[in-house]
Amino acid sequence: MPTKVIKGILLVIALFAITMAFVRFNEVTLPEGAVRVVWDGEVCGHCKMHVGDPRFAAQLQTTAGDVLNFDDPGCLFDYLQSHDVSVHALYFRNYDEDGWLTESEVGFLPVEDSPMGYGIRAVAKDTPEAQDIDWAKGEVINRPDHPHGGS
């Protein structure tokens, strides 16, 4: 086999190996479960206030690998309404117990005060009178001071 052919084959193999290494290196590994939040050390992805009250925190994980924390479930819902993101997972802190609830585990109840005044709190979906996520989104969108809703 001529030397030029061998060099050409080796070049193709090297380029293939470099391409595969580049693709593998740049793959995004998505989290499994909620990512730890540094209370009072992280900023809400929507309103930019500190995420300080664990009872109301929410977290968005995108398919691009971004993790955004929110100080109020309402901030998360407003963010989703105003940003085109591909959602990998949503997590909500359980108001009644320490820990996170997934989108399939969460229910919502009204609450008098929440960090940004949306008036909703996340609870386990089997909590008496708990409403689903669509109800919570509706509560946010239909607020009188919301730019897209209200009366």
N, C-alpha and C. Protein backbone atom coordinates (compact mmCIF):
# COMPACT_ATOMS: atom_id res chain seq x y z
N MET A 1 0.85 -1.17 0.00
CA MET A 1 0.00 0.00 0.00
C MET A 1 0.90 1.25 0.00
N PRO A 2 0.60 2.20 -0.85
CA PRO A 2 1.42 3.41 -0.90
C PRO A 2 1.36 4.20 0.41
N THR A 3 2.39 4.92 0.70
CA THR A 3 2.52 5.70 1.92
C THR A 3 1.42 6.76 2.01
N LYS A 4 1.06 7.40 0.91
CA LYS A 4 0.02 8.43 0.93
C LYS A 4 -1.33 7.84 1.35
N VAL A 5 -1.64 6.63 0.93
CA VAL A 5 -2.91 5.98 1.29
C VAL A 5 -2.92 5.68 2.79
N ILE A 6 -1.81 5.17 3.29
CA ILE A 6 -1.72 4.85 4.71
C ILE A 6 -1.85 6.13 5.54
N LYS A 7 -1.18 7.19 5.13
CA LYS A 7 -1.28 8.47 5.84
C LYS A 7 -2.72 9.00 5.80
N GLY A 8 -3.38 8.84 4.66
CA GLY A 8 -4.77 9.28 4.52
C GLY A 8 -5.69 8.50 5.45
N ILE A 9 -5.50 7.18 5.53
CA ILE A 9 -6.31 6.34 6.42
C ILE A 9 -6.06 6.73 7.88
N LEU A 10 -4.80 6.93 8.24
CA LEU A 10 -4.46 7.33 9.61
C LEU A 10 -5.05 8.70 9.94
N LEU A 11 -5.06 9.61 8.97
CA LEU A 11 -5.64 10.93 9.19
C LEU A 11 -7.14 10.83 9.43
N VAL A 12 -7.82 10.00 8.64
CA VAL A 12 -9.26 9.81 8.81
C VAL A 12 -9.55 9.21 10.18
N ILE A 13 -8.78 8.22 10.59
CA ILE A 13 -8.96 7.59 11.90
C ILE A 13 -8.72 8.61 13.01
N ALA A 14 -7.68 9.42 12.89
CA ALA A 14 -7.38 10.43 13.91
C ALA A 14 -8.48 11.47 13.99
N LEU A 15 -8.98 11.92 12.84
CA LEU A 15 -10.08 12.90 12.85
C LEU A 15 -11.34 12.31 13.47
N PHE A 16 -11.62 11.07 13.17
CA PHE A 16 -12.78 10.40 13.76
C PHE A 16 -12.62 10.31 15.28
N ALA A 17 -11.44 9.92 15.75
CA ALA A 17 -11.20 9.80 17.19
C ALA A 17 -11.32 11.16 17.88
N ILE A 18 -10.80 12.20 17.25
CA ILE A 18 -10.89 13.55 17.83
C ILE A 18 -12.35 14.00 17.88
N THR A 19 -13.10 13.74 16.82
CA THR A 19 -14.51 14.11 16.79
C THR A 19 -15.28 13.40 17.89
N MET A 20 -15.06 12.10 18.04
CA MET A 20 -15.75 11.33 19.07
C MET A 20 -15.38 11.82 20.47
N ALA A 21 -14.13 12.14 20.68
CA ALA A 21 -13.70 12.65 21.99
C ALA A 21 -14.35 14.00 22.27
N PHE A 22 -14.44 14.86 21.25
CA PHE A 22 -15.07 16.17 21.41
C PHE A 22 -16.55 16.01 21.76
N VAL A 23 -17.25 15.15 21.04
CA VAL A 23 -18.68 14.92 21.31
C VAL A 23 -18.86 14.37 22.71
N ARG A 24 -18.08 13.40 23.09
CA ARG A 24 -18.19 12.79 24.43
C ARG A 24 -17.88 13.81 25.52
N PHE A 25 -16.86 14.63 25.32
CA PHE A 25 -16.47 15.62 26.31
C PHE A 25 -17.56 16.66 26.51
N ASN A 26 -18.28 17.01 25.45
CA ASN A 26 -19.28 18.07 25.52
C ASN A 26 -20.69 17.57 25.83
N GLU A 27 -20.86 16.29 26.09
CA GLU A 27 -22.17 15.79 26.47
C GLU A 27 -22.57 16.35 27.82
N VAL A 28 -23.83 16.67 27.97
CA VAL A 28 -24.34 17.21 29.22
C VAL A 28 -24.87 16.05 30.06
N THR A 29 -24.39 15.95 31.27
CA THR A 29 -24.93 14.96 32.19
C THR A 29 -25.97 15.67 33.05
N LEU A 30 -27.22 15.25 32.88
CA LEU A 30 -28.31 15.91 33.60
C LEU A 30 -28.41 15.36 35.01
N PRO A 31 -28.75 16.21 35.97
CA PRO A 31 -28.86 15.76 37.36
C PRO A 31 -29.99 14.76 37.53
N GLU A 32 -29.81 13.90 38.49
CA GLU A 32 -30.89 13.00 38.92
C GLU A 32 -31.32 13.48 40.29
N GLY A 33 -32.45 14.13 40.35
CA GLY A 33 -32.93 14.70 41.60
C GLY A 33 -32.58 16.17 41.69
N ALA A 34 -33.11 16.78 42.72
CA ALA A 34 -32.87 18.21 42.93
C ALA A 34 -31.41 18.46 43.27
N VAL A 35 -30.90 19.57 42.79
CA VAL A 35 -29.53 19.99 43.07
C VAL A 35 -29.55 20.83 44.34
N ARG A 36 -28.55 20.63 45.17
CA ARG A 36 -28.46 21.35 46.45
C ARG A 36 -28.49 22.86 46.25
N VAL A 37 -29.23 23.53 47.11
CA VAL A 37 -29.35 24.99 47.07
C VAL A 37 -28.60 25.58 48.26
N VAL A 38 -27.85 26.63 48.03
CA VAL A 38 -27.20 27.36 49.11
C VAL A 38 -28.17 28.46 49.53
N TRP A 39 -28.88 28.23 50.63
CA TRP A 39 -29.89 29.18 51.10
C TRP A 39 -29.25 30.53 51.39
N ASP A 40 -29.89 31.58 50.94
CA ASP A 40 -29.41 32.97 51.04
C ASP A 40 -28.12 33.21 50.28
N GLY A 41 -27.70 32.25 49.48
CA GLY A 41 -26.48 32.42 48.69
C GLY A 41 -26.74 32.33 47.20
N GLU A 42 -27.99 32.05 46.83
CA GLU A 42 -28.34 31.94 45.42
C GLU A 42 -29.45 32.93 45.10
N VAL A 43 -29.52 33.30 43.85
CA VAL A 43 -30.47 34.31 43.40
C VAL A 43 -31.60 33.64 42.62
N CYS A 44 -32.81 34.11 42.83
CA CYS A 44 -33.98 33.61 42.12
C CYS A 44 -33.80 33.85 40.62
N GLY A 45 -34.08 32.83 39.82
CA GLY A 45 -33.95 32.92 38.38
C GLY A 45 -34.92 33.89 37.74
N HIS A 46 -35.93 34.32 38.47
CA HIS A 46 -36.93 35.24 37.91
C HIS A 46 -36.83 36.65 38.51
N CYS A 47 -37.00 36.75 39.82
CA CYS A 47 -37.08 38.08 40.44
C CYS A 47 -35.73 38.59 40.95
N LYS A 48 -34.73 37.72 40.97
CA LYS A 48 -33.36 38.06 41.39
C LYS A 48 -33.19 38.31 42.89
N MET A 49 -34.21 37.98 43.69
CA MET A 49 -34.08 38.06 45.15
C MET A 49 -33.32 36.81 45.62
N HIS A 50 -32.81 36.85 46.84
CA HIS A 50 -32.13 35.66 47.38
C HIS A 50 -33.14 34.56 47.66
N VAL A 51 -32.72 33.33 47.41
CA VAL A 51 -33.54 32.17 47.74
C VAL A 51 -33.22 31.85 49.19
N GLY A 52 -34.11 32.26 50.09
CA GLY A 52 -33.79 32.17 51.51
C GLY A 52 -34.73 31.34 52.35
N ASP A 53 -35.98 31.18 51.93
CA ASP A 53 -36.95 30.42 52.72
C ASP A 53 -37.15 29.07 52.05
N PRO A 54 -36.53 28.02 52.59
CA PRO A 54 -36.62 26.70 51.96
C PRO A 54 -38.05 26.21 51.74
N ARG A 55 -39.00 26.66 52.55
CA ARG A 55 -40.38 26.18 52.43
C ARG A 55 -41.01 26.55 51.09
N PHE A 56 -40.48 27.55 50.40
CA PHE A 56 -41.09 28.02 49.16
C PHE A 56 -40.21 27.82 47.92
N ALA A 57 -39.05 27.26 48.06
CA ALA A 57 -38.11 27.16 46.94
C ALA A 57 -38.63 26.23 45.85
N ALA A 58 -38.22 26.52 44.64
CA ALA A 58 -38.52 25.68 43.49
C ALA A 58 -37.27 25.64 42.62
N GLN A 59 -37.17 24.60 41.79
CA GLN A 59 -35.99 24.45 40.96
C GLN A 59 -36.38 23.95 39.57
N LEU A 60 -35.78 24.56 38.57
CA LEU A 60 -35.95 24.17 37.17
C LEU A 60 -34.63 23.63 36.67
N GLN A 61 -34.69 22.45 36.07
CA GLN A 61 -33.52 21.88 35.40
C GLN A 61 -33.87 21.76 33.92
N THR A 62 -33.03 22.34 33.07
CA THR A 62 -33.30 22.31 31.63
C THR A 62 -32.56 21.15 30.98
N THR A 63 -32.98 20.79 29.79
CA THR A 63 -32.31 19.72 29.06
C THR A 63 -30.92 20.15 28.59
N ALA A 64 -30.65 21.45 28.61
CA ALA A 64 -29.32 21.96 28.28
C ALA A 64 -28.36 21.85 29.46
N GLY A 65 -28.89 21.45 30.63
CA GLY A 65 -28.05 21.29 31.82
C GLY A 65 -28.06 22.47 32.77
N ASP A 66 -28.85 23.49 32.48
CA ASP A 66 -28.95 24.64 33.38
C ASP A 66 -29.82 24.29 34.58
N VAL A 67 -29.44 24.80 35.75
CA VAL A 67 -30.23 24.64 36.96
C VAL A 67 -30.53 26.03 37.49
N LEU A 68 -31.83 26.36 37.57
CA LEU A 68 -32.26 27.65 38.07
C LEU A 68 -33.10 27.45 39.32
N ASN A 69 -32.80 28.25 40.34
CA ASN A 69 -33.55 28.18 41.59
C ASN A 69 -34.47 29.39 41.69
N PHE A 70 -35.58 29.20 42.40
CA PHE A 70 -36.59 30.25 42.53
C PHE A 70 -36.99 30.36 44.00
N ASP A 71 -37.28 31.58 44.44
CA ASP A 71 -37.63 31.80 45.84
C ASP A 71 -39.12 31.62 46.11
N ASP A 72 -39.91 31.37 45.07
CA ASP A 72 -41.36 31.22 45.21
C ASP A 72 -41.83 30.39 44.02
N PRO A 73 -42.74 29.43 44.23
CA PRO A 73 -43.23 28.67 43.07
C PRO A 73 -43.80 29.58 41.98
N GLY A 74 -44.40 30.69 42.38
CA GLY A 74 -44.94 31.63 41.40
C GLY A 74 -43.87 32.20 40.49
N CYS A 75 -42.68 32.45 41.04
CA CYS A 75 -41.57 32.94 40.21
C CYS A 75 -41.21 31.90 39.14
N LEU A 76 -41.20 30.63 39.52
CA LEU A 76 -40.91 29.57 38.55
C LEU A 76 -41.96 29.58 37.44
N PHE A 77 -43.24 29.65 37.81
CA PHE A 77 -44.30 29.63 36.80
C PHE A 77 -44.24 30.86 35.89
N ASP A 78 -43.96 32.03 36.46
CA ASP A 78 -43.80 33.23 35.63
C ASP A 78 -42.60 33.08 34.68
N TYR A 79 -41.52 32.52 35.19
CA TYR A 79 -40.33 32.31 34.37
C TYR A 79 -40.66 31.39 33.19
N LEU A 80 -41.34 30.29 33.46
CA LEU A 80 -41.69 29.35 32.39
C LEU A 80 -42.60 29.98 31.35
N GLN A 81 -43.46 30.88 31.78
CA GLN A 81 -44.37 31.53 30.85
C GLN A 81 -43.63 32.52 29.95
N SER A 82 -42.57 33.13 30.46
CA SER A 82 -41.89 34.17 29.69
C SER A 82 -40.58 33.73 29.03
N HIS A 83 -40.19 32.47 29.23
CA HIS A 83 -38.95 31.96 28.62
C HIS A 83 -39.23 30.64 27.90
N ASP A 84 -38.64 30.50 26.75
CA ASP A 84 -38.78 29.26 25.98
C ASP A 84 -37.64 28.32 26.40
N VAL A 85 -37.93 27.43 27.32
CA VAL A 85 -36.93 26.48 27.81
C VAL A 85 -37.44 25.06 27.63
N SER A 86 -36.52 24.16 27.46
CA SER A 86 -36.86 22.75 27.40
C SER A 86 -36.61 22.17 28.79
N VAL A 87 -37.68 21.75 29.45
CA VAL A 87 -37.62 21.33 30.85
C VAL A 87 -37.16 19.87 30.96
N HIS A 88 -36.13 19.67 31.75
CA HIS A 88 -35.71 18.32 32.12
C HIS A 88 -36.49 17.88 33.35
N ALA A 89 -36.57 18.76 34.36
CA ALA A 89 -37.28 18.42 35.60
C ALA A 89 -37.65 19.69 36.36
N LEU A 90 -38.74 19.58 37.12
CA LEU A 90 -39.16 20.63 38.04
C LEU A 90 -39.22 20.03 39.44
N TYR A 91 -38.74 20.80 40.42
CA TYR A 91 -38.78 20.37 41.81
C TYR A 91 -39.33 21.51 42.66
N PHE A 92 -40.07 21.14 43.68
CA PHE A 92 -40.67 22.10 44.60
C PHE A 92 -40.38 21.64 46.01
N ARG A 93 -39.97 22.57 46.88
CA ARG A 93 -39.76 22.22 48.28
C ARG A 93 -41.10 22.00 48.93
N ASN A 94 -41.18 20.94 49.71
CA ASN A 94 -42.39 20.61 50.45
C ASN A 94 -42.53 21.60 51.61
N TYR A 95 -43.62 22.33 51.63
CA TYR A 95 -43.86 23.34 52.66
C TYR A 95 -44.01 22.68 54.03
N ASP A 96 -44.58 21.48 54.07
CA ASP A 96 -44.89 20.81 55.33
C ASP A 96 -43.77 19.95 55.89
N GLU A 97 -42.87 19.50 55.04
CA GLU A 97 -41.78 18.62 55.48
C GLU A 97 -40.50 19.01 54.73
N ASP A 98 -39.38 18.68 55.31
CA ASP A 98 -38.11 18.95 54.64
C ASP A 98 -37.98 18.01 53.44
N GLY A 99 -37.63 18.55 52.31
CA GLY A 99 -37.41 17.73 51.13
C GLY A 99 -38.07 18.29 49.89
N TRP A 100 -37.75 17.69 48.77
CA TRP A 100 -38.24 18.13 47.47
C TRP A 100 -39.35 17.23 46.97
N LEU A 101 -40.25 17.81 46.19
CA LEU A 101 -41.31 17.07 45.51
C LEU A 101 -41.11 17.23 44.01
N THR A 102 -41.26 16.14 43.28
CA THR A 102 -41.17 16.22 41.83
C THR A 102 -42.48 16.76 41.27
N GLU A 103 -42.48 17.07 40.00
CA GLU A 103 -43.69 17.58 39.35
C GLU A 103 -44.85 16.59 39.48
N SER A 104 -44.54 15.29 39.48
CA SER A 104 -45.61 14.28 39.59
C SER A 104 -46.05 14.06 41.04
N GLU A 105 -45.29 14.53 42.00
CA GLU A 105 -45.62 14.34 43.42
C GLU A 105 -46.26 15.57 44.06
N VAL A 106 -46.21 16.71 43.38
CA VAL A 106 -46.57 17.97 44.01
C VAL A 106 -48.06 18.31 43.86
N GLY A 107 -48.55 18.94 44.91
CA GLY A 107 -49.86 19.57 44.90
C GLY A 107 -49.66 20.97 45.46
N PHE A 108 -50.68 21.79 45.39
CA PHE A 108 -50.53 23.17 45.86
C PHE A 108 -51.73 23.58 46.68
N LEU A 109 -51.47 24.42 47.68
CA LEU A 109 -52.50 24.99 48.52
C LEU A 109 -52.26 26.50 48.63
N PRO A 110 -53.32 27.25 48.88
CA PRO A 110 -53.12 28.69 49.11
C PRO A 110 -52.39 28.92 50.43
N VAL A 111 -51.70 30.02 50.52
CA VAL A 111 -51.03 30.42 51.75
C VAL A 111 -51.10 31.94 51.83
N GLU A 112 -51.21 32.45 53.04
CA GLU A 112 -51.35 33.90 53.23
C GLU A 112 -50.14 34.68 52.73
N ASP A 113 -48.95 34.21 53.10
CA ASP A 113 -47.77 34.96 52.70
C ASP A 113 -46.74 34.02 52.09
N SER A 114 -46.20 34.41 50.98
CA SER A 114 -45.10 33.69 50.35
C SER A 114 -44.06 34.75 49.97
N PRO A 115 -42.82 34.34 49.73
CA PRO A 115 -41.76 35.33 49.55
C PRO A 115 -42.08 36.44 48.55
N MET A 116 -42.70 36.12 47.44
CA MET A 116 -42.99 37.15 46.44
C MET A 116 -44.49 37.42 46.32
N GLY A 117 -45.27 36.92 47.27
CA GLY A 117 -46.68 37.25 47.33
C GLY A 117 -47.58 36.51 46.35
N TYR A 118 -47.12 35.42 45.79
CA TYR A 118 -47.96 34.66 44.86
C TYR A 118 -49.06 33.89 45.60
N GLY A 119 -48.82 33.60 46.89
CA GLY A 119 -49.86 32.99 47.71
C GLY A 119 -50.12 31.52 47.47
N ILE A 120 -49.09 30.80 47.02
CA ILE A 120 -49.23 29.34 46.86
C ILE A 120 -48.05 28.65 47.53
N ARG A 121 -48.32 27.44 48.00
CA ARG A 121 -47.26 26.64 48.62
C ARG A 121 -47.34 25.23 48.10
N ALA A 122 -46.22 24.56 48.00
CA ALA A 122 -46.16 23.20 47.50
C ALA A 122 -46.30 22.21 48.65
N VAL A 123 -47.13 21.20 48.42
CA VAL A 123 -47.34 20.13 49.39
C VAL A 123 -47.43 18.83 48.60
N ALA A 124 -47.42 17.71 49.32
CA ALA A 124 -47.61 16.43 48.64
C ALA A 124 -49.00 16.41 48.01
N LYS A 125 -49.11 15.83 46.83
CA LYS A 125 -50.38 15.91 46.09
C LYS A 125 -51.52 15.18 46.79
N ASP A 126 -51.20 14.26 47.72
CA ASP A 126 -52.26 13.56 48.45
C ASP A 126 -52.70 14.30 49.71
N THR A 127 -52.19 15.51 49.92
CA THR A 127 -52.62 16.36 51.03
C THR A 127 -54.08 16.76 50.80
N PRO A 128 -54.92 16.67 51.85
CA PRO A 128 -56.32 17.06 51.67
C PRO A 128 -56.45 18.46 51.06
N GLU A 129 -57.30 18.58 50.08
CA GLU A 129 -57.62 19.82 49.37
C GLU A 129 -56.51 20.34 48.46
N ALA A 130 -55.42 19.57 48.31
CA ALA A 130 -54.34 20.01 47.42
C ALA A 130 -54.83 20.08 45.99
N GLN A 131 -54.38 21.11 45.30
CA GLN A 131 -54.73 21.33 43.89
C GLN A 131 -53.55 20.93 43.01
N ASP A 132 -53.82 20.70 41.72
CA ASP A 132 -52.75 20.28 40.82
C ASP A 132 -51.93 21.48 40.32
N ILE A 133 -50.91 21.18 39.55
CA ILE A 133 -49.99 22.21 39.08
C ILE A 133 -50.67 23.20 38.15
N ASP A 134 -51.66 22.75 37.39
CA ASP A 134 -52.38 23.67 36.51
C ASP A 134 -53.16 24.72 37.32
N TRP A 135 -53.70 24.30 38.45
CA TRP A 135 -54.38 25.26 39.34
C TRP A 135 -53.39 26.32 39.81
N ALA A 136 -52.19 25.86 40.23
CA ALA A 136 -51.17 26.79 40.74
C ALA A 136 -50.74 27.77 39.65
N LYS A 137 -50.53 27.27 38.43
CA LYS A 137 -50.16 28.15 37.32
C LYS A 137 -51.28 29.17 37.08
N GLY A 138 -52.53 28.72 37.16
CA GLY A 138 -53.66 29.62 36.98
C GLY A 138 -53.71 30.70 38.04
N GLU A 139 -53.40 30.34 39.28
CA GLU A 139 -53.37 31.33 40.37
C GLU A 139 -52.34 32.42 40.08
N VAL A 140 -51.22 32.03 39.49
CA VAL A 140 -50.17 32.99 39.18
C VAL A 140 -50.60 33.88 38.01
N ILE A 141 -51.07 33.27 36.94
CA ILE A 141 -51.43 34.02 35.73
C ILE A 141 -52.63 34.92 35.96
N ASN A 142 -53.56 34.50 36.79
CA ASN A 142 -54.80 35.26 36.97
C ASN A 142 -54.74 36.28 38.10
N ARG A 143 -53.55 36.53 38.64
CA ARG A 143 -53.42 37.57 39.66
C ARG A 143 -53.76 38.92 39.04
N PRO A 144 -54.41 39.80 39.80
CA PRO A 144 -54.77 41.12 39.25
C PRO A 144 -53.57 41.92 38.74
N ASP A 145 -52.41 41.75 39.38
CA ASP A 145 -51.23 42.53 38.96
C ASP A 145 -50.37 41.82 37.95
N HIS A 146 -50.81 40.65 37.46
CA HIS A 146 -50.02 39.90 36.48
C HIS A 146 -50.19 40.53 35.10
N PRO A 147 -49.11 40.69 34.33
CA PRO A 147 -49.21 41.36 33.04
C PRO A 147 -50.06 40.62 32.01
N HIS A 148 -50.31 39.32 32.21
CA HIS A 148 -51.06 38.55 31.22
C HIS A 148 -52.43 38.10 31.72
N GLY A 149 -52.84 38.57 32.85
CA GLY A 149 -54.11 38.08 33.38
C GLY A 149 -54.73 39.08 34.33
N GLY A 150 -55.46 38.53 35.27
CA GLY A 150 -56.09 39.37 36.28
C GLY A 150 -57.40 39.92 35.80
N SER A 151 -58.03 40.66 36.70
CA SER A 151 -59.33 41.22 36.37
C SER A 151 -59.33 42.73 36.34
